[in-house]
Amino acid sequence: MFDPLTLAAGAVILGAGWAIGRYGHRGTVPGSPKRSIAKCGCGHDLAIHDPQAGECHAEERRSIAPATWEWVRCPCRRYTGPLPVEDYFTRPMLPPTD
């Protein structure tokens, strides 16, 4: 009914494929671009900064004693990173100015 040699060969192929997929090198494709996130000088991205005022809304952990931490607001008061392309070419849609 089942050929044991064919079943053994299939099991070996399956095991080799699993081992190569599990332990093989998973590098990036040479032609693919790396994703970069635009960050401010404080290390936070544009989404955390207020669009109108530019203040950073992130919190940072600061050590006040050994093994004691407190959360303080990021001291950045203006976004200094690169601006998105949309800010150069599109006008704000809302609120209408008519």
Protein backbone atom coordinates (compact mmCIF):
# COMPACT_ATOMS: atom_id res chain seq x y z
CA MET A 1 0.00 0.00 0.00
CA PHE A 2 2.71 2.56 1.01
CA ASP A 3 6.24 2.35 -0.23
CA PRO A 4 8.52 2.68 2.85
CA LEU A 5 11.43 3.97 0.78
CA THR A 6 9.36 6.84 -0.64
CA LEU A 7 8.01 7.72 2.82
CA ALA A 8 11.55 7.76 4.26
CA ALA A 9 12.82 9.96 1.41
CA GLY A 10 9.92 12.37 1.97
CA ALA A 11 10.66 12.50 5.70
CA VAL A 12 14.34 13.24 5.00
CA ILE A 13 13.42 16.05 2.56
CA LEU A 14 10.92 17.47 5.07
CA GLY A 15 13.46 17.37 7.91
CA ALA A 16 16.19 18.97 5.78
CA GLY A 17 13.84 21.77 4.71
CA TRP A 18 12.82 22.41 8.29
CA ALA A 19 16.45 22.47 9.49
CA ILE A 20 17.52 24.84 6.71
CA GLY A 21 14.60 27.15 7.39
CA ARG A 22 15.16 27.09 11.14
CA TYR A 23 18.93 27.42 11.32
CA GLY A 24 19.86 28.83 7.91
CA HIS A 25 21.08 32.37 7.28
CA ARG A 26 18.21 34.84 7.05
CA GLY A 27 19.84 37.92 5.59
CA THR A 28 18.19 40.78 3.82
CA VAL A 29 17.87 40.84 0.08
CA PRO A 30 20.74 42.93 -1.32
CA GLY A 31 18.50 45.16 -3.44
CA SER A 32 15.88 45.90 -0.78
CA PRO A 33 16.03 49.32 0.88
CA LYS A 34 16.27 49.55 4.66
CA ARG A 35 13.41 51.25 6.48
CA SER A 36 14.52 54.35 8.25
CA ILE A 37 12.44 56.31 10.70
CA ALA A 38 13.00 60.04 10.79
CA LYS A 39 14.03 61.00 14.29
CA CYS A 40 14.51 64.27 16.08
CA GLY A 41 17.68 65.19 17.92
CA CYS A 42 16.09 63.89 21.13
CA GLY A 43 15.75 60.40 19.59
CA HIS A 44 11.96 60.37 19.21
CA ASP A 45 10.12 60.33 15.88
CA LEU A 46 7.78 62.93 14.38
CA ALA A 47 4.62 61.15 15.59
CA ILE A 48 5.43 61.92 19.22
CA HIS A 49 5.87 65.67 18.62
CA ASP A 50 2.94 68.08 18.66
CA PRO A 51 2.29 69.26 15.07
CA GLN A 52 1.51 72.88 16.01
CA ALA A 53 3.79 73.60 18.96
CA GLY A 54 6.48 71.04 18.13
CA GLU A 55 6.87 69.91 21.75
CA CYS A 56 7.80 66.30 22.43
CA HIS A 57 5.22 64.28 24.37
CA ALA A 58 7.50 61.35 25.17
CA GLU A 59 8.60 60.42 28.66
CA GLU A 60 12.08 59.32 29.62
CA ARG A 61 13.26 57.27 32.57
CA ARG A 62 15.67 59.09 34.90
CA SER A 63 17.60 57.55 37.77
CA ILE A 64 17.17 59.38 41.07
CA ALA A 65 18.82 56.78 43.32
CA PRO A 66 20.24 53.27 42.94
CA ALA A 67 17.45 51.02 41.64
CA THR A 68 14.98 53.94 41.78
CA TRP A 69 13.59 55.54 38.65
CA GLU A 70 11.17 58.29 37.81
CA TRP A 71 9.53 59.24 34.52
CA VAL A 72 10.10 62.79 33.30
CA ARG A 73 8.95 64.59 30.19
CA CYS A 74 11.39 64.79 27.28
CA PRO A 75 13.16 68.18 27.35
CA CYS A 76 12.85 68.64 23.57
CA ARG A 77 10.69 71.68 22.76
CA ARG A 78 10.90 71.70 18.95
CA TYR A 79 11.11 68.95 16.32
CA THR A 80 14.47 69.26 14.56
CA GLY A 81 14.38 66.18 12.35
CA PRO A 82 13.60 65.88 8.63
CA LEU A 83 10.11 66.92 7.52
CA PRO A 84 7.87 64.59 5.52
CA VAL A 85 7.50 65.25 1.79
CA GLU A 86 3.77 65.89 2.24
CA ASP A 87 4.50 69.05 4.22
CA TYR A 88 6.26 70.55 1.20
CA PHE A 89 3.70 69.80 -1.52
CA THR A 90 0.21 69.68 -0.02
CA ARG A 91 -1.89 72.28 1.69
CA PRO A 92 -3.77 71.45 4.88
CA MET A 93 -7.30 70.30 4.01
CA LEU A 94 -9.00 71.03 7.33
CA PRO A 95 -10.34 73.33 8.66
CA PRO A 96 -11.68 75.09 5.57
CA THR A 97 -10.69 78.74 5.24
CA ASP A 98 -13.65 79.86 3.08
